[in-house]
Amino acid sequence: MKRYEIMYIIRPNLEEQARKDLIMNLNQILTSNGSQEAKVDEWGIRDLAYEIVDFTKGYYVVLNVVAPIEAINEVDRVMKIREDIIRHIVIARDEA
């Protein structure tokens, strides 16, 4: 298993409860696929460097997790199809 950093940006107009549910859902995907630790760091609403899908702001979330590649592939797949996530990136760090 490797250590990964996952950053994603949620639509800024999403309701607070829906945003919390989305973050919890993504964390559950990781834990149900065998990840060991997940540290969630919510940065909150920040300005975007450029406009994305008519948004100039976004709600930033950073996850640091130790997980197998299967868990990362699944969460990446889900992030690609969720309309509430306007951008995401997964970065492999060092070995766990």
PDB file of N, CA and C in Angstrom:
ATOM      1  N   MET A   1       0.839  -1.183   0.000  1.00  0.00           N
ATOM      2  CA  MET A   1       0.000   0.000   0.000  1.00  0.00           C
ATOM      3  C   MET A   1       0.879   1.241   0.000  1.00  0.00           C
ATOM      4  N   LYS A   2       0.362   2.285  -0.599  1.00  0.00           N
ATOM      5  CA  LYS A   2       1.081   3.553  -0.706  1.00  0.00           C
ATOM      6  C   LYS A   2       0.321   4.662   0.012  1.00  0.00           C
ATOM      7  N   ARG A   3       1.032   5.732   0.253  1.00  0.00           N
ATOM      8  CA  ARG A   3       0.415   6.935   0.808  1.00  0.00           C
ATOM      9  C   ARG A   3       0.012   7.828  -0.362  1.00  0.00           C
ATOM     10  N   TYR A   4      -1.214   8.330  -0.309  1.00  0.00           N
ATOM     11  CA  TYR A   4      -1.742   9.191  -1.366  1.00  0.00           C
ATOM     12  C   TYR A   4      -2.258  10.490  -0.778  1.00  0.00           C
ATOM     13  N   GLU A   5      -2.191  11.521  -1.590  1.00  0.00           N
ATOM     14  CA  GLU A   5      -2.830  12.786  -1.254  1.00  0.00           C
ATOM     15  C   GLU A   5      -3.877  13.029  -2.323  1.00  0.00           C
ATOM     16  N   ILE A   6      -5.098  13.220  -1.886  1.00  0.00           N
ATOM     17  CA  ILE A   6      -6.211  13.445  -2.800  1.00  0.00           C
ATOM     18  C   ILE A   6      -6.781  14.826  -2.496  1.00  0.00           C
ATOM     19  N   MET A   7      -6.830  15.675  -3.497  1.00  0.00           N
ATOM     20  CA  MET A   7      -7.449  16.981  -3.340  1.00  0.00           C
ATOM     21  C   MET A   7      -8.628  17.047  -4.286  1.00  0.00           C
ATOM     22  N   TYR A   8      -9.746  17.521  -3.762  1.00  0.00           N
ATOM     23  CA  TYR A   8     -10.892  17.720  -4.635  1.00  0.00           C
ATOM     24  C   TYR A   8     -11.613  19.002  -4.267  1.00  0.00           C
ATOM     25  N   ILE A   9     -12.305  19.554  -5.259  1.00  0.00           N
ATOM     26  CA  ILE A   9     -13.017  20.812  -5.106  1.00  0.00           C
ATOM     27  C   ILE A   9     -14.501  20.539  -5.331  1.00  0.00           C
ATOM     28  N   ILE A  10     -15.296  20.922  -4.341  1.00  0.00           N
ATOM     29  CA  ILE A  10     -16.740  20.720  -4.379  1.00  0.00           C
ATOM     30  C   ILE A  10     -17.400  22.032  -4.805  1.00  0.00           C
ATOM     31  N   ARG A  11     -18.499  21.927  -5.528  1.00  0.00           N
ATOM     32  CA  ARG A  11     -19.260  23.126  -5.924  1.00  0.00           C
ATOM     33  C   ARG A  11     -19.525  24.000  -4.699  1.00  0.00           C
ATOM     34  N   PRO A  12     -19.332  25.298  -4.787  1.00  0.00           N
ATOM     35  CA  PRO A  12     -19.518  26.157  -3.620  1.00  0.00           C
ATOM     36  C   PRO A  12     -20.980  26.352  -3.218  1.00  0.00           C
ATOM     37  N   ASN A  13     -21.909  26.107  -4.136  1.00  0.00           N
ATOM     38  CA  ASN A  13     -23.325  26.317  -3.831  1.00  0.00           C
ATOM     39  C   ASN A  13     -24.014  25.063  -3.281  1.00  0.00           C
ATOM     40  N   LEU A  14     -23.237  24.029  -2.983  1.00  0.00           N
ATOM     41  CA  LEU A  14     -23.805  22.803  -2.414  1.00  0.00           C
ATOM     42  C   LEU A  14     -24.141  23.050  -0.945  1.00  0.00           C
ATOM     43  N   GLU A  15     -25.302  22.573  -0.513  1.00  0.00           N
ATOM     44  CA  GLU A  15     -25.723  22.761   0.879  1.00  0.00           C
ATOM     45  C   GLU A  15     -24.749  22.071   1.823  1.00  0.00           C
ATOM     46  N   GLU A  16     -24.664  22.594   3.042  1.00  0.00           N
ATOM     47  CA  GLU A  16     -23.693  22.093   4.013  1.00  0.00           C
ATOM     48  C   GLU A  16     -23.883  20.604   4.311  1.00  0.00           C
ATOM     49  N   GLN A  17     -25.115  20.167   4.518  1.00  0.00           N
ATOM     50  CA  GLN A  17     -25.354  18.757   4.833  1.00  0.00           C
ATOM     51  C   GLN A  17     -25.003  17.857   3.653  1.00  0.00           C
ATOM     52  N   ALA A  18     -25.325  18.285   2.460  1.00  0.00           N
ATOM     53  CA  ALA A  18     -24.987  17.506   1.256  1.00  0.00           C
ATOM     54  C   ALA A  18     -23.476  17.423   1.096  1.00  0.00           C
ATOM     55  N   ARG A  19     -22.764  18.503   1.413  1.00  0.00           N
ATOM     56  CA  ARG A  19     -21.299  18.503   1.330  1.00  0.00           C
ATOM     57  C   ARG A  19     -20.698  17.539   2.346  1.00  0.00           C
ATOM     58  N   LYS A  20     -21.229  17.550   3.568  1.00  0.00           N
ATOM     59  CA  LYS A  20     -20.742  16.620   4.598  1.00  0.00           C
ATOM     60  C   LYS A  20     -21.005  15.174   4.195  1.00  0.00           C
ATOM     61  N   ASP A  21     -22.178  14.922   3.625  1.00  0.00           N
ATOM     62  CA  ASP A  21     -22.516  13.570   3.166  1.00  0.00           C
ATOM     63  C   ASP A  21     -21.586  13.117   2.041  1.00  0.00           C
ATOM     64  N   LEU A  22     -21.258  14.019   1.133  1.00  0.00           N
ATOM     65  CA  LEU A  22     -20.356  13.700   0.032  1.00  0.00           C
ATOM     66  C   LEU A  22     -18.967  13.340   0.556  1.00  0.00           C
ATOM     67  N   ILE A  23     -18.443  14.140   1.470  1.00  0.00           N
ATOM     68  CA  ILE A  23     -17.122  13.874   2.052  1.00  0.00           C
ATOM     69  C   ILE A  23     -17.129  12.537   2.782  1.00  0.00           C
ATOM     70  N   MET A  24     -18.185  12.267   3.556  1.00  0.00           N
ATOM     71  CA  MET A  24     -18.300  11.007   4.291  1.00  0.00           C
ATOM     72  C   MET A  24     -18.398   9.827   3.320  1.00  0.00           C
ATOM     73  N   ASN A  25     -19.146   9.995   2.233  1.00  0.00           N
ATOM     74  CA  ASN A  25     -19.308   8.933   1.245  1.00  0.00           C
ATOM     75  C   ASN A  25     -17.978   8.572   0.603  1.00  0.00           C
ATOM     76  N   LEU A  26     -17.185   9.575   0.239  1.00  0.00           N
ATOM     77  CA  LEU A  26     -15.874   9.314  -0.364  1.00  0.00           C
ATOM     78  C   LEU A  26     -14.932   8.627   0.628  1.00  0.00           C
ATOM     79  N   ASN A  27     -14.990   9.022   1.886  1.00  0.00           N
ATOM     80  CA  ASN A  27     -14.164   8.372   2.907  1.00  0.00           C
ATOM     81  C   ASN A  27     -14.585   6.915   3.113  1.00  0.00           C
ATOM     82  N   GLN A  28     -15.889   6.648   3.046  1.00  0.00           N
ATOM     83  CA  GLN A  28     -16.378   5.278   3.193  1.00  0.00           C
ATOM     84  C   GLN A  28     -15.924   4.398   2.030  1.00  0.00           C
ATOM     85  N   ILE A  29     -15.853   4.960   0.848  1.00  0.00           N
ATOM     86  CA  ILE A  29     -15.359   4.197  -0.301  1.00  0.00           C
ATOM     87  C   ILE A  29     -13.932   3.743  -0.041  1.00  0.00           C
ATOM     88  N   LEU A  30     -13.113   4.649   0.480  1.00  0.00           N
ATOM     89  CA  LEU A  30     -11.722   4.300   0.779  1.00  0.00           C
ATOM     90  C   LEU A  30     -11.628   3.239   1.864  1.00  0.00           C
ATOM     91  N   THR A  31     -12.354   3.417   2.967  1.00  0.00           N
ATOM     92  CA  THR A  31     -12.248   2.464   4.075  1.00  0.00           C
ATOM     93  C   THR A  31     -12.839   1.105   3.713  1.00  0.00           C
ATOM     94  N   SER A  32     -13.894   1.085   2.909  1.00  0.00           N
ATOM     95  CA  SER A  32     -14.484  -0.199   2.535  1.00  0.00           C
ATOM     96  C   SER A  32     -13.611  -0.966   1.546  1.00  0.00           C
ATOM     97  N   ASN A  33     -12.660  -0.280   0.915  1.00  0.00           N
ATOM     98  CA  ASN A  33     -11.745  -0.932  -0.014  1.00  0.00           C
ATOM     99  C   ASN A  33     -10.364  -1.166   0.580  1.00  0.00           C
ATOM    100  N   GLY A  34     -10.237  -1.043   1.900  1.00  0.00           N
ATOM    101  CA  GLY A  34      -9.011  -1.455   2.557  1.00  0.00           C
ATOM    102  C   GLY A  34      -8.011  -0.381   2.916  1.00  0.00           C
ATOM    103  N   SER A  35      -8.407   0.881   2.919  1.00  0.00           N
ATOM    104  CA  SER A  35      -7.439   1.909   3.316  1.00  0.00           C
ATOM    105  C   SER A  35      -7.254   1.886   4.830  1.00  0.00           C
ATOM    106  N   GLN A  36      -6.077   2.274   5.291  1.00  0.00           N
ATOM    107  CA  GLN A  36      -5.751   2.188   6.706  1.00  0.00           C
ATOM    108  C   GLN A  36      -6.064   3.465   7.473  1.00  0.00           C
ATOM    109  N   GLU A  37      -5.611   4.580   6.982  1.00  0.00           N
ATOM    110  CA  GLU A  37      -5.819   5.830   7.693  1.00  0.00           C
ATOM    111  C   GLU A  37      -6.208   6.909   6.703  1.00  0.00           C
ATOM    112  N   ALA A  38      -7.125   7.763   7.107  1.00  0.00           N
ATOM    113  CA  ALA A  38      -7.528   8.871   6.246  1.00  0.00           C
ATOM    114  C   ALA A  38      -7.613  10.128   7.098  1.00  0.00           C
ATOM    115  N   LYS A  39      -6.811  11.100   6.758  1.00  0.00           N
ATOM    116  CA  LYS A  39      -6.840  12.377   7.452  1.00  0.00           C
ATOM    117  C   LYS A  39      -7.505  13.375   6.522  1.00  0.00           C
ATOM    118  N   VAL A  40      -8.639  13.911   6.943  1.00  0.00           N
ATOM    119  CA  VAL A  40      -9.405  14.848   6.134  1.00  0.00           C
ATOM    120  C   VAL A  40      -9.079  16.270   6.590  1.00  0.00           C
ATOM    121  N   ASP A  41      -8.705  17.103   5.658  1.00  0.00           N
ATOM    122  CA  ASP A  41      -8.402  18.496   5.943  1.00  0.00           C
ATOM    123  C   ASP A  41      -9.292  19.351   5.045  1.00  0.00           C
ATOM    124  N   GLU A  42     -10.324  19.956   5.634  1.00  0.00           N
ATOM    125  CA  GLU A  42     -11.242  20.792   4.872  1.00  0.00           C
ATOM    126  C   GLU A  42     -10.719  22.225   4.887  1.00  0.00           C
ATOM    127  N   TRP A  43     -10.374  22.732   3.733  1.00  0.00           N
ATOM    128  CA  TRP A  43      -9.844  24.094   3.608  1.00  0.00           C
ATOM    129  C   TRP A  43     -10.952  25.124   3.507  1.00  0.00           C
ATOM    130  N   GLY A  44     -12.140  24.695   3.147  1.00  0.00           N
ATOM    131  CA  GLY A  44     -13.257  25.621   3.021  1.00  0.00           C
ATOM    132  C   GLY A  44     -13.337  26.245   1.638  1.00  0.00           C
ATOM    133  N   ILE A  45     -14.153  27.290   1.546  1.00  0.00           N
ATOM    134  CA  ILE A  45     -14.365  27.960   0.257  1.00  0.00           C
ATOM    135  C   ILE A  45     -13.207  28.909  -0.017  1.00  0.00           C
ATOM    136  N   ARG A  46     -12.638  28.749  -1.199  1.00  0.00           N
ATOM    137  CA  ARG A  46     -11.512  29.576  -1.645  1.00  0.00           C
ATOM    138  C   ARG A  46     -11.729  29.969  -3.099  1.00  0.00           C
ATOM    139  N   ASP A  47     -11.026  31.015  -3.505  1.00  0.00           N
ATOM    140  CA  ASP A  47     -11.082  31.445  -4.901  1.00  0.00           C
ATOM    141  C   ASP A  47     -10.361  30.434  -5.779  1.00  0.00           C
ATOM    142  N   LEU A  48     -10.906  30.220  -6.974  1.00  0.00           N
ATOM    143  CA  LEU A  48     -10.255  29.368  -7.961  1.00  0.00           C
ATOM    144  C   LEU A  48      -9.288  30.215  -8.783  1.00  0.00           C
ATOM    145  N   ALA A  49      -8.256  29.599  -9.292  1.00  0.00           N
ATOM    146  CA  ALA A  49      -7.294  30.318 -10.127  1.00  0.00           C
ATOM    147  C   ALA A  49      -7.935  30.747 -11.444  1.00  0.00           C
ATOM    148  N   TYR A  50      -8.892  29.966 -11.927  1.00  0.00           N
ATOM    149  CA  TYR A  50      -9.616  30.288 -13.150  1.00  0.00           C
ATOM    150  C   TYR A  50     -11.019  29.718 -13.024  1.00  0.00           C
ATOM    151  N   GLU A  51     -11.915  30.207 -13.823  1.00  0.00           N
ATOM    152  CA  GLU A  51     -13.314  29.787 -13.752  1.00  0.00           C
ATOM    153  C   GLU A  51     -13.474  28.343 -14.205  1.00  0.00           C
ATOM    154  N   ILE A  52     -14.218  27.573 -13.420  1.00  0.00           N
ATOM    155  CA  ILE A  52     -14.506  26.175 -13.747  1.00  0.00           C
ATOM    156  C   ILE A  52     -16.017  25.993 -13.703  1.00  0.00           C
ATOM    157  N   VAL A  53     -16.599  25.594 -14.806  1.00  0.00           N
ATOM    158  CA  VAL A  53     -18.040  25.335 -14.912  1.00  0.00           C
ATOM    159  C   VAL A  53     -18.835  26.516 -14.330  1.00  0.00           C
ATOM    160  N   ASP A  54     -18.465  27.725 -14.701  1.00  0.00           N
ATOM    161  CA  ASP A  54     -19.108  28.962 -14.255  1.00  0.00           C
ATOM    162  C   ASP A  54     -18.934  29.263 -12.766  1.00  0.00           C
ATOM    163  N   PHE A  55     -18.022  28.599 -12.089  1.00  0.00           N
ATOM    164  CA  PHE A  55     -17.744  28.880 -10.679  1.00  0.00           C
ATOM    165  C   PHE A  55     -16.404  29.594 -10.557  1.00  0.00           C
ATOM    166  N   THR A  56     -16.342  30.588  -9.685  1.00  0.00           N
ATOM    167  CA  THR A  56     -15.078  31.282  -9.403  1.00  0.00           C
ATOM    168  C   THR A  56     -14.557  30.924  -8.018  1.00  0.00           C
ATOM    169  N   LYS A  57     -15.359  30.196  -7.247  1.00  0.00           N
ATOM    170  CA  LYS A  57     -14.963  29.725  -5.923  1.00  0.00           C
ATOM    171  C   LYS A  57     -15.274  28.239  -5.828  1.00  0.00           C
ATOM    172  N   GLY A  58     -14.635  27.562  -4.865  1.00  0.00           N
ATOM    173  CA  GLY A  58     -14.882  26.148  -4.648  1.00  0.00           C
ATOM    174  C   GLY A  58     -14.548  25.774  -3.214  1.00  0.00           C
ATOM    175  N   TYR A  59     -15.126  24.674  -2.748  1.00  0.00           N
ATOM    176  CA  TYR A  59     -14.872  24.170  -1.395  1.00  0.00           C
ATOM    177  C   TYR A  59     -13.789  23.097  -1.506  1.00  0.00           C
ATOM    178  N   TYR A  60     -12.617  23.403  -0.953  1.00  0.00           N
ATOM    179  CA  TYR A  60     -11.455  22.522  -1.082  1.00  0.00           C
ATOM    180  C   TYR A  60     -11.405  21.503   0.051  1.00  0.00           C
ATOM    181  N   VAL A  61     -11.079  20.251  -0.315  1.00  0.00           N
ATOM    182  CA  VAL A  61     -10.881  19.176   0.664  1.00  0.00           C
ATOM    183  C   VAL A  61      -9.614  18.424   0.278  1.00  0.00           C
ATOM    184  N   VAL A  62      -8.755  18.159   1.274  1.00  0.00           N
ATOM    185  CA  VAL A  62      -7.531  17.397   1.052  1.00  0.00           C
ATOM    186  C   VAL A  62      -7.564  16.160   1.939  1.00  0.00           C
ATOM    187  N   LEU A  63      -7.317  14.998   1.339  1.00  0.00           N
ATOM    188  CA  LEU A  63      -7.245  13.736   2.074  1.00  0.00           C
ATOM    189  C   LEU A  63      -5.830  13.195   2.006  1.00  0.00           C
ATOM    190  N   ASN A  64      -5.304  12.758   3.135  1.00  0.00           N
ATOM    191  CA  ASN A  64      -4.048  12.015   3.172  1.00  0.00           C
ATOM    192  C   ASN A  64      -4.417  10.616   3.629  1.00  0.00           C
ATOM    193  N   VAL A  65      -4.099   9.625   2.817  1.00  0.00           N
ATOM    194  CA  VAL A  65      -4.571   8.273   3.085  1.00  0.00           C
ATOM    195  C   VAL A  65      -3.521   7.246   2.669  1.00  0.00           C
ATOM    196  N   VAL A  66      -3.488   6.138   3.405  1.00  0.00           N
ATOM    197  CA  VAL A  66      -2.687   4.973   3.027  1.00  0.00           C
ATOM    198  C   VAL A  66      -3.681   3.941   2.515  1.00  0.00           C
ATOM    199  N   ALA A  67      -3.538   3.574   1.237  1.00  0.00           N
ATOM    200  CA  ALA A  67      -4.566   2.729   0.626  1.00  0.00           C
ATOM    201  C   ALA A  67      -3.983   1.882  -0.494  1.00  0.00           C
ATOM    202  N   PRO A  68      -4.659   0.766  -0.799  1.00  0.00           N
ATOM    203  CA  PRO A  68      -4.271  -0.024  -1.977  1.00  0.00           C
ATOM    204  C   PRO A  68      -4.751   0.680  -3.237  1.00  0.00           C
ATOM    205  N   ILE A  69      -4.173   0.333  -4.355  1.00  0.00           N
ATOM    206  CA  ILE A  69      -4.511   0.975  -5.622  1.00  0.00           C
ATOM    207  C   ILE A  69      -5.981   0.757  -5.997  1.00  0.00           C
ATOM    208  N   GLU A  70      -6.574  -0.332  -5.577  1.00  0.00           N
ATOM    209  CA  GLU A  70      -7.984  -0.597  -5.892  1.00  0.00           C
ATOM    210  C   GLU A  70      -8.888   0.461  -5.266  1.00  0.00           C
ATOM    211  N   ALA A  71      -8.591   0.852  -4.022  1.00  0.00           N
ATOM    212  CA  ALA A  71      -9.384   1.875  -3.340  1.00  0.00           C
ATOM    213  C   ALA A  71      -9.231   3.223  -4.038  1.00  0.00           C
ATOM    214  N   ILE A  72      -8.016   3.534  -4.442  1.00  0.00           N
ATOM    215  CA  ILE A  72      -7.757   4.799  -5.125  1.00  0.00           C
ATOM    216  C   ILE A  72      -8.461   4.831  -6.482  1.00  0.00           C
ATOM    217  N   ASN A  73      -8.412   3.726  -7.207  1.00  0.00           N
ATOM    218  CA  ASN A  73      -9.087   3.668  -8.505  1.00  0.00           C
ATOM    219  C   ASN A  73     -10.592   3.855  -8.360  1.00  0.00           C
ATOM    220  N   GLU A  74     -11.169   3.255  -7.319  1.00  0.00           N
ATOM    221  CA  GLU A  74     -12.616   3.363  -7.113  1.00  0.00           C
ATOM    222  C   GLU A  74     -13.016   4.789  -6.737  1.00  0.00           C
ATOM    223  N   VAL A  75     -12.291   5.415  -5.823  1.00  0.00           N
ATOM    224  CA  VAL A  75     -12.643   6.777  -5.428  1.00  0.00           C
ATOM    225  C   VAL A  75     -12.403   7.741  -6.594  1.00  0.00           C
ATOM    226  N   ASP A  76     -11.401   7.503  -7.400  1.00  0.00           N
ATOM    227  CA  ASP A  76     -11.152   8.322  -8.586  1.00  0.00           C
ATOM    228  C   ASP A  76     -12.306   8.185  -9.577  1.00  0.00           C
ATOM    229  N   ARG A  77     -12.782   6.973  -9.774  1.00  0.00           N
ATOM    230  CA  ARG A  77     -13.904   6.727 -10.685  1.00  0.00           C
ATOM    231  C   ARG A  77     -15.154   7.467 -10.211  1.00  0.00           C
ATOM    232  N   VAL A  78     -15.423   7.385  -8.913  1.00  0.00           N
ATOM    233  CA  VAL A  78     -16.613   8.042  -8.364  1.00  0.00           C
ATOM    234  C   VAL A  78     -16.504   9.562  -8.484  1.00  0.00           C
ATOM    235  N   MET A  79     -15.316  10.097  -8.230  1.00  0.00           N
ATOM    236  CA  MET A  79     -15.131  11.550  -8.333  1.00  0.00           C
ATOM    237  C   MET A  79     -15.337  12.043  -9.759  1.00  0.00           C
ATOM    238  N   LYS A  80     -14.978  11.231 -10.732  1.00  0.00           N
ATOM    239  CA  LYS A  80     -15.143  11.630 -12.134  1.00  0.00           C
ATOM    240  C   LYS A  80     -16.610  11.742 -12.532  1.00  0.00           C
ATOM    241  N   ILE A  81     -17.481  10.940 -11.926  1.00  0.00           N
ATOM    242  CA  ILE A  81     -18.885  10.937 -12.332  1.00  0.00           C
ATOM    243  C   ILE A  81     -19.779  11.799 -11.437  1.00  0.00           C
ATOM    244  N   ARG A  82     -19.279  12.237 -10.284  1.00  0.00           N
ATOM    245  CA  ARG A  82     -20.071  13.087  -9.397  1.00  0.00           C
ATOM    246  C   ARG A  82     -20.077  14.517  -9.914  1.00  0.00           C
ATOM    247  N   GLU A  83     -21.255  15.068 -10.149  1.00  0.00           N
ATOM    248  CA  GLU A  83     -21.370  16.426 -10.653  1.00  0.00           C
ATOM    249  C   GLU A  83     -21.039  17.472  -9.591  1.00  0.00           C
ATOM    250  N   ASP A  84     -21.087  17.083  -8.316  1.00  0.00           N
ATOM    251  CA  ASP A  84     -20.790  18.016  -7.231  1.00  0.00           C
ATOM    252  C   ASP A  84     -19.299  18.300  -7.105  1.00  0.00           C
ATOM    253  N   ILE A  85     -18.450  17.444  -7.671  1.00  0.00           N
ATOM    254  CA  ILE A  85     -17.003  17.638  -7.631  1.00  0.00           C
ATOM    255  C   ILE A  85     -16.579  18.245  -8.967  1.00  0.00           C
ATOM    256  N   ILE A  86     -16.033  19.472  -8.894  1.00  0.00           N
ATOM    257  CA  ILE A  86     -15.696  20.152 -10.149  1.00  0.00           C
ATOM    258  C   ILE A  86     -14.260  19.881 -10.594  1.00  0.00           C
ATOM    259  N   ARG A  87     -13.366  19.512  -9.668  1.00  0.00           N
ATOM    260  CA  ARG A  87     -11.993  19.115 -10.005  1.00  0.00           C
ATOM    261  C   ARG A  87     -11.456  18.194  -8.911  1.00  0.00           C
ATOM    262  N   HIS A  88     -10.538  17.304  -9.308  1.00  0.00           N
ATOM    263  CA  HIS A  88      -9.854  16.478  -8.312  1.00  0.00           C
ATOM    264  C   HIS A  88      -8.502  16.036  -8.859  1.00  0.00           C
ATOM    265  N   ILE A  89      -7.625  15.694  -7.939  1.00  0.00           N
ATOM    266  CA  ILE A  89      -6.309  15.180  -8.316  1.00  0.00           C
ATOM    267  C   ILE A  89      -5.876  14.185  -7.254  1.00  0.00           C
ATOM    268  N   VAL A  90      -5.219  13.108  -7.698  1.00  0.00           N
ATOM    269  CA  VAL A  90      -4.685  12.081  -6.803  1.00  0.00           C
ATOM    270  C   VAL A  90      -3.179  12.022  -7.025  1.00  0.00           C
ATOM    271  N   ILE A  91      -2.435  12.187  -5.944  1.00  0.00           N
ATOM    272  CA  ILE A  91      -0.974  12.182  -6.015  1.00  0.00           C
ATOM    273  C   ILE A  91      -0.433  11.054  -5.136  1.00  0.00           C
ATOM    274  N   ALA A  92       0.392  10.193  -5.705  1.00  0.00           N
ATOM    275  CA  ALA A  92       1.034   9.127  -4.937  1.00  0.00           C
ATOM    276  C   ALA A  92       2.243   9.720  -4.218  1.00  0.00           C
ATOM    277  N   ARG A  93       2.308   9.511  -2.918  1.00  0.00           N
ATOM    278  CA  ARG A  93       3.430  10.001  -2.124  1.00  0.00           C
ATOM    279  C   ARG A  93       4.430   8.864  -1.959  1.00  0.00           C
ATOM    280  N   ASP A  94       4.991   8.686  -0.799  1.00  0.00           N
ATOM    281  CA  ASP A  94       5.978   7.638  -0.553  1.00  0.00           C
ATOM    282  C   ASP A  94       5.300   6.342  -0.126  1.00  0.00           C
ATOM    283  N   GLU A  95       6.097   5.309   0.059  1.00  0.00           N
ATOM    284  CA  GLU A  95       5.571   4.037   0.537  1.00  0.00           C
ATOM    285  C   GLU A  95       5.091   4.194   1.965  1.00  0.00           C
ATOM    286  N   ALA A  96       4.050   3.454   2.338  1.00  0.00           N
ATOM    287  CA  ALA A  96       3.484   3.566   3.692  1.00  0.00           C
ATOM    288  C   ALA A  96       4.333   2.838   4.704  1.00  0.00           C
TER     289      ALA A  96
END
